[in-house]
Amino acid sequence: MTLPTDTVYPNFEPTEEIGTLNEYIEDLVEVLQDRDTEISLTVNGKILSSFLNPPDQWQPTLYGSTVAGNFTYEERVGWCLRQGLMTDVYFDLRWSANGGATGNLYIELPYRVANSTSKPFVGVVQTATLAYGAGQSYLTLNAIPNTYRCEIWSSGSGNATANISAVPAGQLIGHVRYIGVDNE
């Protein structure tokens, strides 16, 4: 949600009836209260977490890009803070089986990533028991534009980046910040 920039106030046309003025004031108060609610929700932000009850619950979930799989989690903690369009996602995932997942490993994000012709939304990740590609020495998170996906990419000096495949077991602890899409 973004801050309102085009609040429409009710029109008042003076008449001799006092009831009309009272109705106008009631309508105006309702519009102002709605606008103030939108502003406070946007400024204060919305928190989603694996510790909260629906509808505010969000649990980070791993998938394979070819076959989604059914991961067995040993640790599955997530937090999301959305203020306006700015979205911060934090997670700690540890799994002992990927349930047949194949393809590239990714985490499903709670809000769709803004559309872009490039991939500007990169985050940090700490890993355990993940094998990097040949010549790769770093992992990063990449919130993919116009999707709900946060992919895990490896890179290294003088080497092209590559997606990490869905592995049978591992741990990912990370944070990614991205611009979300309006009105979700």
N, C-alpha and C. Protein backbone atom coordinates (compact mmCIF):
# COMPACT_ATOMS: atom_id res chain seq x y z
N MET A 1 0.84 -1.17 0.00
CA MET A 1 0.00 0.00 0.00
C MET A 1 0.89 1.24 0.00
N THR A 2 0.50 2.23 -0.75
CA THR A 2 1.24 3.48 -0.77
C THR A 2 0.42 4.57 -0.09
N LEU A 3 1.07 5.67 0.24
CA LEU A 3 0.35 6.77 0.87
C LEU A 3 -0.65 7.39 -0.11
N PRO A 4 -1.84 7.74 0.39
CA PRO A 4 -2.82 8.34 -0.51
C PRO A 4 -2.37 9.72 -0.97
N THR A 5 -2.54 10.00 -2.24
CA THR A 5 -2.16 11.31 -2.77
C THR A 5 -3.35 12.03 -3.39
N ASP A 6 -4.46 11.34 -3.47
CA ASP A 6 -5.61 11.95 -4.14
C ASP A 6 -6.89 11.77 -3.33
N THR A 7 -6.86 12.17 -2.06
CA THR A 7 -8.04 12.06 -1.21
C THR A 7 -9.14 12.93 -1.79
N VAL A 8 -10.30 12.35 -1.93
CA VAL A 8 -11.47 13.07 -2.45
C VAL A 8 -12.38 13.39 -1.28
N TYR A 9 -12.57 14.67 -1.04
CA TYR A 9 -13.43 15.12 0.04
C TYR A 9 -14.84 15.35 -0.49
N PRO A 10 -15.86 15.09 0.35
CA PRO A 10 -17.22 15.32 -0.12
C PRO A 10 -17.45 16.82 -0.39
N ASN A 11 -18.22 17.11 -1.41
CA ASN A 11 -18.56 18.50 -1.73
C ASN A 11 -19.65 19.00 -0.80
N PHE A 12 -19.59 20.27 -0.46
CA PHE A 12 -20.63 20.88 0.37
C PHE A 12 -21.24 22.03 -0.39
N GLU A 13 -22.54 21.94 -0.52
CA GLU A 13 -23.28 23.05 -1.12
C GLU A 13 -24.21 23.59 -0.06
N PRO A 14 -23.97 24.83 0.35
CA PRO A 14 -24.78 25.39 1.44
C PRO A 14 -26.26 25.49 1.06
N THR A 15 -27.08 25.10 2.03
CA THR A 15 -28.54 25.26 1.90
C THR A 15 -29.04 25.78 3.23
N GLU A 16 -30.32 26.01 3.30
CA GLU A 16 -30.90 26.53 4.54
C GLU A 16 -31.12 25.43 5.57
N GLU A 17 -31.01 24.18 5.16
CA GLU A 17 -31.27 23.07 6.09
C GLU A 17 -30.01 22.73 6.89
N ILE A 18 -30.14 22.71 8.20
CA ILE A 18 -28.99 22.38 9.04
C ILE A 18 -28.63 20.90 8.93
N GLY A 19 -29.60 20.05 8.62
CA GLY A 19 -29.34 18.62 8.46
C GLY A 19 -28.32 18.35 7.37
N THR A 20 -28.33 19.14 6.31
CA THR A 20 -27.39 18.96 5.21
C THR A 20 -25.96 19.21 5.68
N LEU A 21 -25.77 20.22 6.51
CA LEU A 21 -24.43 20.50 7.05
C LEU A 21 -23.96 19.36 7.95
N ASN A 22 -24.86 18.83 8.77
CA ASN A 22 -24.50 17.69 9.64
C ASN A 22 -24.10 16.47 8.81
N GLU A 23 -24.84 16.20 7.75
CA GLU A 23 -24.51 15.07 6.88
C GLU A 23 -23.15 15.27 6.22
N TYR A 24 -22.88 16.49 5.79
CA TYR A 24 -21.58 16.79 5.18
C TYR A 24 -20.45 16.52 6.17
N ILE A 25 -20.60 17.00 7.40
CA ILE A 25 -19.56 16.83 8.41
C ILE A 25 -19.36 15.35 8.71
N GLU A 26 -20.42 14.56 8.81
CA GLU A 26 -20.30 13.12 9.04
C GLU A 26 -19.54 12.45 7.90
N ASP A 27 -19.87 12.81 6.65
CA ASP A 27 -19.16 12.25 5.49
C ASP A 27 -17.68 12.64 5.51
N LEU A 28 -17.41 13.90 5.84
CA LEU A 28 -16.03 14.39 5.86
C LEU A 28 -15.22 13.66 6.94
N VAL A 29 -15.79 13.47 8.11
CA VAL A 29 -15.10 12.76 9.19
C VAL A 29 -14.78 11.33 8.76
N GLU A 30 -15.71 10.66 8.09
CA GLU A 30 -15.47 9.29 7.63
C GLU A 30 -14.32 9.23 6.62
N VAL A 31 -14.28 10.16 5.68
CA VAL A 31 -13.20 10.20 4.69
C VAL A 31 -11.86 10.44 5.38
N LEU A 32 -11.81 11.36 6.33
CA LEU A 32 -10.56 11.67 7.04
C LEU A 32 -10.10 10.49 7.90
N GLN A 33 -11.02 9.79 8.54
CA GLN A 33 -10.64 8.64 9.35
C GLN A 33 -10.08 7.52 8.46
N ASP A 34 -10.70 7.27 7.32
CA ASP A 34 -10.20 6.25 6.39
C ASP A 34 -8.80 6.61 5.90
N ARG A 35 -8.59 7.89 5.55
CA ARG A 35 -7.28 8.33 5.08
C ARG A 35 -6.23 8.18 6.17
N ASP A 36 -6.57 8.55 7.39
CA ASP A 36 -5.61 8.43 8.49
C ASP A 36 -5.27 6.97 8.77
N THR A 37 -6.24 6.08 8.63
CA THR A 37 -5.98 4.65 8.81
C THR A 37 -5.01 4.15 7.75
N GLU A 38 -5.21 4.53 6.50
CA GLU A 38 -4.29 4.14 5.41
C GLU A 38 -2.88 4.65 5.66
N ILE A 39 -2.78 5.89 6.09
CA ILE A 39 -1.46 6.49 6.35
C ILE A 39 -0.76 5.75 7.49
N SER A 40 -1.47 5.49 8.58
CA SER A 40 -0.82 4.83 9.73
C SER A 40 -0.41 3.40 9.38
N LEU A 41 -1.22 2.67 8.61
CA LEU A 41 -0.84 1.31 8.21
C LEU A 41 0.39 1.33 7.31
N THR A 42 0.48 2.32 6.44
CA THR A 42 1.62 2.41 5.53
C THR A 42 2.89 2.78 6.28
N VAL A 43 2.81 3.78 7.15
CA VAL A 43 3.99 4.25 7.87
C VAL A 43 4.44 3.21 8.90
N ASN A 44 3.51 2.63 9.64
CA ASN A 44 3.86 1.65 10.66
C ASN A 44 4.28 0.32 10.06
N GLY A 45 3.79 0.02 8.89
CA GLY A 45 4.14 -1.23 8.23
C GLY A 45 3.27 -2.38 8.67
N LYS A 46 3.43 -3.49 7.98
CA LYS A 46 2.71 -4.72 8.30
C LYS A 46 3.74 -5.81 8.50
N ILE A 47 3.60 -6.54 9.60
CA ILE A 47 4.52 -7.62 9.90
C ILE A 47 3.82 -8.95 9.64
N LEU A 48 4.51 -9.82 8.91
CA LEU A 48 4.09 -11.20 8.73
C LEU A 48 5.17 -12.06 9.36
N SER A 49 4.78 -13.15 10.01
CA SER A 49 5.78 -13.98 10.66
C SER A 49 5.28 -15.41 10.81
N SER A 50 6.21 -16.33 10.90
CA SER A 50 5.86 -17.72 11.17
C SER A 50 5.35 -17.89 12.61
N PHE A 51 5.54 -16.87 13.46
CA PHE A 51 5.10 -16.93 14.85
C PHE A 51 3.69 -16.39 15.05
N LEU A 52 3.12 -15.77 14.03
CA LEU A 52 1.80 -15.14 14.15
C LEU A 52 0.72 -16.07 13.62
N ASN A 53 -0.52 -15.76 13.97
CA ASN A 53 -1.66 -16.53 13.48
C ASN A 53 -2.15 -15.95 12.16
N PRO A 54 -2.81 -16.77 11.33
CA PRO A 54 -3.39 -16.24 10.09
C PRO A 54 -4.31 -15.07 10.43
N PRO A 55 -4.43 -14.04 9.62
CA PRO A 55 -3.88 -13.90 8.28
C PRO A 55 -2.48 -13.29 8.26
N ASP A 56 -1.87 -13.08 9.43
CA ASP A 56 -0.56 -12.43 9.50
C ASP A 56 0.59 -13.43 9.52
N GLN A 57 0.28 -14.70 9.33
CA GLN A 57 1.34 -15.71 9.34
C GLN A 57 1.97 -15.84 7.96
N TRP A 58 3.28 -15.91 7.94
CA TRP A 58 4.02 -16.21 6.72
C TRP A 58 5.15 -17.15 7.09
N GLN A 59 5.21 -18.28 6.44
CA GLN A 59 6.31 -19.21 6.66
C GLN A 59 7.10 -19.33 5.37
N PRO A 60 8.41 -19.12 5.45
CA PRO A 60 9.22 -19.27 4.26
C PRO A 60 9.14 -20.71 3.76
N THR A 61 8.99 -20.87 2.47
CA THR A 61 8.82 -22.19 1.87
C THR A 61 9.78 -22.36 0.71
N LEU A 62 10.48 -23.49 0.69
CA LEU A 62 11.42 -23.81 -0.38
C LEU A 62 10.73 -24.62 -1.47
N TYR A 63 11.21 -24.42 -2.70
CA TYR A 63 10.71 -25.16 -3.86
C TYR A 63 11.86 -25.43 -4.81
N GLY A 64 11.67 -26.43 -5.64
CA GLY A 64 12.51 -26.64 -6.80
C GLY A 64 11.78 -26.07 -8.00
N SER A 65 12.51 -25.49 -8.95
CA SER A 65 11.87 -24.83 -10.09
C SER A 65 11.27 -25.79 -11.11
N THR A 66 11.76 -27.03 -11.19
CA THR A 66 11.23 -28.02 -12.13
C THR A 66 10.16 -28.87 -11.46
N VAL A 67 10.51 -29.47 -10.33
CA VAL A 67 9.57 -30.20 -9.50
C VAL A 67 9.63 -29.55 -8.12
N ALA A 68 8.49 -29.06 -7.64
CA ALA A 68 8.46 -28.29 -6.39
C ALA A 68 8.99 -29.08 -5.19
N GLY A 69 8.65 -30.36 -5.10
CA GLY A 69 9.09 -31.17 -3.97
C GLY A 69 8.28 -30.89 -2.71
N ASN A 70 8.59 -31.62 -1.68
CA ASN A 70 7.92 -31.46 -0.38
C ASN A 70 9.00 -31.52 0.70
N PHE A 71 9.57 -30.39 1.04
CA PHE A 71 10.71 -30.31 1.94
C PHE A 71 10.33 -30.70 3.37
N THR A 72 11.24 -31.39 4.04
CA THR A 72 11.09 -31.73 5.45
C THR A 72 11.95 -30.74 6.23
N TYR A 73 11.28 -29.86 6.98
CA TYR A 73 11.98 -28.77 7.68
C TYR A 73 12.35 -29.17 9.10
N GLU A 74 13.59 -28.86 9.47
CA GLU A 74 14.05 -29.01 10.85
C GLU A 74 13.95 -27.65 11.55
N GLU A 75 14.08 -26.58 10.78
CA GLU A 75 13.94 -25.19 11.26
C GLU A 75 13.24 -24.43 10.15
N ARG A 76 12.24 -23.63 10.52
CA ARG A 76 11.48 -22.87 9.50
C ARG A 76 10.92 -21.61 10.15
N VAL A 77 11.72 -20.57 10.12
CA VAL A 77 11.36 -19.32 10.77
C VAL A 77 11.42 -18.20 9.74
N GLY A 78 10.44 -17.32 9.77
CA GLY A 78 10.45 -16.21 8.83
C GLY A 78 9.78 -14.97 9.38
N TRP A 79 10.28 -13.83 8.93
CA TRP A 79 9.70 -12.53 9.26
C TRP A 79 9.64 -11.72 7.98
N CYS A 80 8.58 -10.94 7.84
CA CYS A 80 8.46 -10.02 6.71
C CYS A 80 7.93 -8.70 7.26
N LEU A 81 8.59 -7.61 6.90
CA LEU A 81 8.13 -6.27 7.26
C LEU A 81 7.90 -5.51 5.97
N ARG A 82 6.67 -5.04 5.79
CA ARG A 82 6.35 -4.26 4.59
C ARG A 82 5.89 -2.88 5.02
N GLN A 83 6.63 -1.87 4.56
CA GLN A 83 6.29 -0.48 4.82
C GLN A 83 6.11 0.19 3.47
N GLY A 84 4.87 0.52 3.13
CA GLY A 84 4.61 1.02 1.80
C GLY A 84 4.92 -0.08 0.81
N LEU A 85 5.78 0.19 -0.15
CA LEU A 85 6.18 -0.81 -1.14
C LEU A 85 7.47 -1.53 -0.76
N MET A 86 8.20 -0.98 0.22
CA MET A 86 9.48 -1.56 0.62
C MET A 86 9.24 -2.81 1.47
N THR A 87 9.84 -3.91 1.07
CA THR A 87 9.60 -5.21 1.70
C THR A 87 10.93 -5.81 2.15
N ASP A 88 11.01 -6.15 3.44
CA ASP A 88 12.18 -6.84 4.00
C ASP A 88 11.74 -8.23 4.42
N VAL A 89 12.49 -9.24 3.96
CA VAL A 89 12.19 -10.63 4.30
C VAL A 89 13.42 -11.23 4.99
N TYR A 90 13.20 -11.86 6.14
CA TYR A 90 14.24 -12.53 6.91
C TYR A 90 13.81 -13.98 7.11
N PHE A 91 14.74 -14.91 7.03
CA PHE A 91 14.37 -16.31 7.21
C PHE A 91 15.54 -17.14 7.72
N ASP A 92 15.18 -18.27 8.32
CA ASP A 92 16.13 -19.30 8.74
C ASP A 92 15.47 -20.63 8.41
N LEU A 93 16.04 -21.32 7.42
CA LEU A 93 15.50 -22.59 6.95
C LEU A 93 16.56 -23.67 7.05
N ARG A 94 16.19 -24.79 7.65
CA ARG A 94 17.06 -25.96 7.67
C ARG A 94 16.19 -27.15 7.32
N TRP A 95 16.62 -27.95 6.35
CA TRP A 95 15.82 -29.07 5.90
C TRP A 95 16.67 -30.33 5.82
N SER A 96 16.01 -31.46 6.00
CA SER A 96 16.71 -32.75 5.99
C SER A 96 16.33 -33.61 4.79
N ALA A 97 15.32 -33.19 4.03
CA ALA A 97 14.92 -33.89 2.81
C ALA A 97 14.17 -32.91 1.92
N ASN A 98 14.33 -33.07 0.59
CA ASN A 98 13.66 -32.13 -0.32
C ASN A 98 12.42 -32.72 -0.99
N GLY A 99 12.05 -33.94 -0.62
CA GLY A 99 10.82 -34.53 -1.12
C GLY A 99 10.73 -34.63 -2.63
N GLY A 100 11.85 -34.88 -3.30
CA GLY A 100 11.86 -35.04 -4.75
C GLY A 100 11.98 -33.75 -5.54
N ALA A 101 12.30 -32.65 -4.88
CA ALA A 101 12.46 -31.36 -5.59
C ALA A 101 13.61 -31.44 -6.57
N THR A 102 13.39 -30.88 -7.76
CA THR A 102 14.46 -30.79 -8.76
C THR A 102 14.45 -29.40 -9.37
N GLY A 103 15.53 -29.07 -10.05
CA GLY A 103 15.65 -27.75 -10.65
C GLY A 103 16.34 -26.80 -9.70
N ASN A 104 16.14 -25.51 -9.91
CA ASN A 104 16.80 -24.50 -9.09
C ASN A 104 16.04 -24.26 -7.79
N LEU A 105 16.79 -24.06 -6.72
CA LEU A 105 16.22 -23.84 -5.40
C LEU A 105 15.72 -22.40 -5.28
N TYR A 106 14.52 -22.22 -4.74
CA TYR A 106 14.04 -20.86 -4.46
C TYR A 106 13.09 -20.85 -3.27
N ILE A 107 12.94 -19.66 -2.70
CA ILE A 107 12.03 -19.43 -1.57
C ILE A 107 10.87 -18.60 -2.09
N GLU A 108 9.67 -18.97 -1.69
CA GLU A 108 8.49 -18.19 -2.09
C GLU A 108 8.38 -16.96 -1.20
N LEU A 109 8.27 -15.78 -1.82
CA LEU A 109 8.15 -14.52 -1.11
C LEU A 109 6.68 -14.20 -0.81
N PRO A 110 6.41 -13.43 0.24
CA PRO A 110 5.02 -13.13 0.60
C PRO A 110 4.36 -12.07 -0.29
N TYR A 111 5.15 -11.25 -0.96
CA TYR A 111 4.62 -10.21 -1.85
C TYR A 111 5.35 -10.26 -3.19
N ARG A 112 4.64 -9.96 -4.24
CA ARG A 112 5.24 -9.97 -5.58
C ARG A 112 6.28 -8.86 -5.69
N VAL A 113 7.38 -9.15 -6.36
CA VAL A 113 8.49 -8.22 -6.56
C VAL A 113 8.11 -7.27 -7.71
N ALA A 114 8.45 -6.00 -7.56
CA ALA A 114 8.18 -5.02 -8.61
C ALA A 114 8.83 -5.43 -9.92
N ASN A 115 8.21 -5.05 -11.02
CA ASN A 115 8.74 -5.40 -12.33
C ASN A 115 9.96 -4.55 -12.65
N SER A 116 10.95 -5.16 -13.28
CA SER A 116 12.18 -4.47 -13.65
C SER A 116 12.80 -5.23 -14.82
N THR A 117 13.55 -4.52 -15.65
CA THR A 117 14.23 -5.18 -16.76
C THR A 117 15.54 -5.83 -16.32
N SER A 118 15.94 -5.58 -15.07
CA SER A 118 17.16 -6.19 -14.53
C SER A 118 16.82 -6.83 -13.19
N LYS A 119 17.82 -7.24 -12.44
CA LYS A 119 17.61 -7.90 -11.14
C LYS A 119 18.30 -7.09 -10.04
N PRO A 120 17.69 -5.96 -9.63
CA PRO A 120 18.36 -5.08 -8.68
C PRO A 120 18.20 -5.46 -7.21
N PHE A 121 17.37 -6.47 -6.90
CA PHE A 121 17.05 -6.77 -5.50
C PHE A 121 17.83 -7.97 -5.00
N VAL A 122 19.04 -7.70 -4.52
CA VAL A 122 19.95 -8.76 -4.09
C VAL A 122 20.05 -8.74 -2.56
N GLY A 123 20.07 -9.93 -1.96
CA GLY A 123 20.17 -10.04 -0.52
C GLY A 123 21.34 -10.91 -0.11
N VAL A 124 21.49 -11.09 1.19
CA VAL A 124 22.61 -11.85 1.74
C VAL A 124 22.11 -13.17 2.30
N VAL A 125 22.99 -14.15 2.29
CA VAL A 125 22.62 -15.47 2.79
C VAL A 125 23.81 -16.14 3.45
N GLN A 126 23.54 -16.87 4.51
CA GLN A 126 24.52 -17.70 5.19
C GLN A 126 24.06 -19.14 4.97
N THR A 127 24.98 -20.04 4.69
CA THR A 127 24.58 -21.41 4.36
C THR A 127 25.31 -22.43 5.20
N ALA A 128 24.77 -23.62 5.16
CA ALA A 128 25.43 -24.79 5.73
C ALA A 128 25.13 -25.96 4.82
N THR A 129 26.10 -26.75 4.54
CA THR A 129 26.03 -27.99 3.75
C THR A 129 25.54 -27.80 2.32
N LEU A 130 25.69 -26.62 1.76
CA LEU A 130 25.36 -26.43 0.35
C LEU A 130 26.64 -26.43 -0.47
N ALA A 131 26.65 -27.18 -1.54
CA ALA A 131 27.81 -27.21 -2.43
C ALA A 131 27.65 -26.13 -3.49
N TYR A 132 28.68 -25.33 -3.67
CA TYR A 132 28.67 -24.29 -4.70
C TYR A 132 29.13 -24.89 -6.01
N GLY A 133 28.84 -24.21 -7.11
CA GLY A 133 29.29 -24.67 -8.42
C GLY A 133 30.80 -24.54 -8.56
N ALA A 134 31.36 -25.17 -9.58
CA ALA A 134 32.81 -25.11 -9.83
C ALA A 134 33.25 -23.67 -10.01
N GLY A 135 34.26 -23.24 -9.26
CA GLY A 135 34.78 -21.88 -9.35
C GLY A 135 33.92 -20.84 -8.64
N GLN A 136 32.87 -21.27 -7.98
CA GLN A 136 31.98 -20.36 -7.27
C GLN A 136 32.38 -20.29 -5.81
N SER A 137 32.34 -19.11 -5.22
CA SER A 137 32.73 -18.99 -3.82
C SER A 137 31.76 -18.14 -3.00
N TYR A 138 30.72 -17.57 -3.64
CA TYR A 138 29.77 -16.72 -2.93
C TYR A 138 28.35 -17.12 -3.28
N LEU A 139 27.46 -16.97 -2.32
CA LEU A 139 26.03 -17.12 -2.58
C LEU A 139 25.34 -15.80 -2.31
N THR A 140 24.34 -15.51 -3.09
CA THR A 140 23.50 -14.34 -2.87
C THR A 140 22.05 -14.74 -3.09
N LEU A 141 21.16 -13.91 -2.56
CA LEU A 141 19.73 -14.06 -2.80
C LEU A 141 19.35 -13.10 -3.91
N ASN A 142 18.42 -13.49 -4.74
CA ASN A 142 17.98 -12.63 -5.82
C ASN A 142 16.46 -12.67 -5.91
N ALA A 143 15.81 -11.56 -5.50
CA ALA A 143 14.35 -11.45 -5.63
C ALA A 143 14.06 -11.17 -7.11
N ILE A 144 13.42 -12.11 -7.77
CA ILE A 144 13.22 -12.05 -9.22
C ILE A 144 12.04 -11.13 -9.55
N PRO A 145 12.29 -10.09 -10.38
CA PRO A 145 11.23 -9.14 -10.70
C PRO A 145 9.97 -9.80 -11.26
N ASN A 146 8.83 -9.25 -10.83
CA ASN A 146 7.50 -9.64 -11.28
C ASN A 146 7.15 -11.08 -10.93
N THR A 147 7.76 -11.61 -9.85
CA THR A 147 7.45 -12.95 -9.36
C THR A 147 7.35 -12.90 -7.83
N TYR A 148 7.08 -14.05 -7.25
CA TYR A 148 7.11 -14.23 -5.80
C TYR A 148 8.34 -15.06 -5.41
N ARG A 149 9.38 -15.05 -6.23
CA ARG A 149 10.53 -15.94 -6.04
C ARG A 149 11.78 -15.22 -5.57
N CYS A 150 12.45 -15.85 -4.63
CA CYS A 150 13.78 -15.43 -4.19
C CYS A 150 14.70 -16.60 -4.47
N GLU A 151 15.52 -16.46 -5.51
CA GLU A 151 16.42 -17.53 -5.92
C GLU A 151 17.76 -17.41 -5.22
N ILE A 152 18.44 -18.54 -5.10
CA ILE A 152 19.76 -18.59 -4.48
C ILE A 152 20.77 -18.78 -5.61
N TRP A 153 21.69 -17.82 -5.74
CA TRP A 153 22.65 -17.82 -6.84
C TRP A 153 24.07 -17.92 -6.29
N SER A 154 24.92 -18.60 -7.02
CA SER A 154 26.33 -18.65 -6.66
C SER A 154 27.12 -17.84 -7.68
N SER A 155 28.25 -17.33 -7.23
CA SER A 155 29.12 -16.56 -8.12
C SER A 155 30.55 -16.66 -7.62
N GLY A 156 31.46 -16.24 -8.46
CA GLY A 156 32.87 -16.25 -8.10
C GLY A 156 33.64 -15.36 -9.05
N SER A 157 34.80 -14.96 -8.66
CA SER A 157 35.62 -14.07 -9.47
C SER A 157 35.91 -14.71 -10.83
N GLY A 158 35.54 -13.99 -11.89
CA GLY A 158 35.80 -14.46 -13.25
C GLY A 158 34.87 -15.55 -13.73
N ASN A 159 33.81 -15.84 -12.98
CA ASN A 159 32.87 -16.89 -13.36
C ASN A 159 31.46 -16.31 -13.47
N ALA A 160 30.67 -16.89 -14.33
CA ALA A 160 29.27 -16.47 -14.47
C ALA A 160 28.47 -16.94 -13.25
N THR A 161 27.42 -16.19 -12.91
CA THR A 161 26.55 -16.61 -11.82
C THR A 161 25.74 -17.83 -12.25
N ALA A 162 25.33 -18.61 -11.27
CA ALA A 162 24.55 -19.82 -11.55
C ALA A 162 23.59 -20.07 -10.40
N ASN A 163 22.41 -20.59 -10.74
CA ASN A 163 21.45 -20.95 -9.70
C ASN A 163 21.94 -22.18 -8.94
N ILE A 164 21.58 -22.23 -7.67
CA ILE A 164 21.87 -23.41 -6.86
C ILE A 164 20.73 -24.41 -7.07
N SER A 165 21.08 -25.65 -7.29
CA SER A 165 20.08 -26.71 -7.47
C SER A 165 19.45 -27.09 -6.14
N ALA A 166 18.24 -27.63 -6.23
CA ALA A 166 17.54 -28.13 -5.05
C ALA A 166 18.32 -29.32 -4.49
N VAL A 167 18.91 -29.15 -3.33
CA VAL A 167 19.73 -30.19 -2.72
C VAL A 167 18.93 -30.94 -1.67
N PRO A 168 19.35 -32.18 -1.35
CA PRO A 168 18.58 -32.99 -0.40
C PRO A 168 18.49 -32.41 1.01
N ALA A 169 19.52 -31.70 1.46
CA ALA A 169 19.53 -31.17 2.82
C ALA A 169 20.39 -29.92 2.85
N GLY A 170 20.11 -29.04 3.82
CA GLY A 170 20.93 -27.84 3.95
C GLY A 170 20.32 -26.83 4.89
N GLN A 171 20.95 -25.66 4.95
CA GLN A 171 20.45 -24.56 5.76
C GLN A 171 20.71 -23.26 5.04
N LEU A 172 19.73 -22.38 5.07
CA LEU A 172 19.83 -21.03 4.52
C LEU A 172 19.32 -20.05 5.56
N ILE A 173 20.13 -19.07 5.89
CA ILE A 173 19.73 -17.99 6.78
C ILE A 173 19.96 -16.72 5.99
N GLY A 174 18.93 -15.90 5.81
CA GLY A 174 19.14 -14.75 4.94
C GLY A 174 18.18 -13.61 5.11
N HIS A 175 18.47 -12.56 4.34
CA HIS A 175 17.66 -11.34 4.29
C HIS A 175 17.71 -10.79 2.88
N VAL A 176 16.55 -10.41 2.36
CA VAL A 176 16.48 -9.73 1.07
C VAL A 176 15.49 -8.57 1.21
N ARG A 177 15.86 -7.45 0.59
CA ARG A 177 15.00 -6.27 0.59
C ARG A 177 14.64 -5.96 -0.86
N TYR A 178 13.36 -5.73 -1.09
CA TYR A 178 12.92 -5.46 -2.45
C TYR A 178 11.72 -4.52 -2.44
N ILE A 179 11.46 -3.96 -3.59
CA ILE A 179 10.27 -3.14 -3.78
C ILE A 179 9.15 -4.05 -4.24
N GLY A 180 8.05 -4.02 -3.53
CA GLY A 180 6.91 -4.85 -3.87
C GLY A 180 5.98 -4.13 -4.84
N VAL A 181 4.88 -4.80 -5.10
CA VAL A 181 3.87 -4.27 -6.01
C VAL A 181 2.75 -3.65 -5.17
N ASP A 182 2.19 -2.57 -5.66
CA ASP A 182 1.13 -1.85 -4.97
C ASP A 182 -0.13 -2.70 -4.77
N ASN A 183 -0.84 -2.42 -3.70
CA ASN A 183 -2.17 -2.98 -3.43
C ASN A 183 -2.21 -4.49 -3.32
N GLU A 184 -1.28 -5.08 -2.61
CA GLU A 184 -1.33 -6.52 -2.33
C GLU A 184 -1.76 -6.71 -0.91
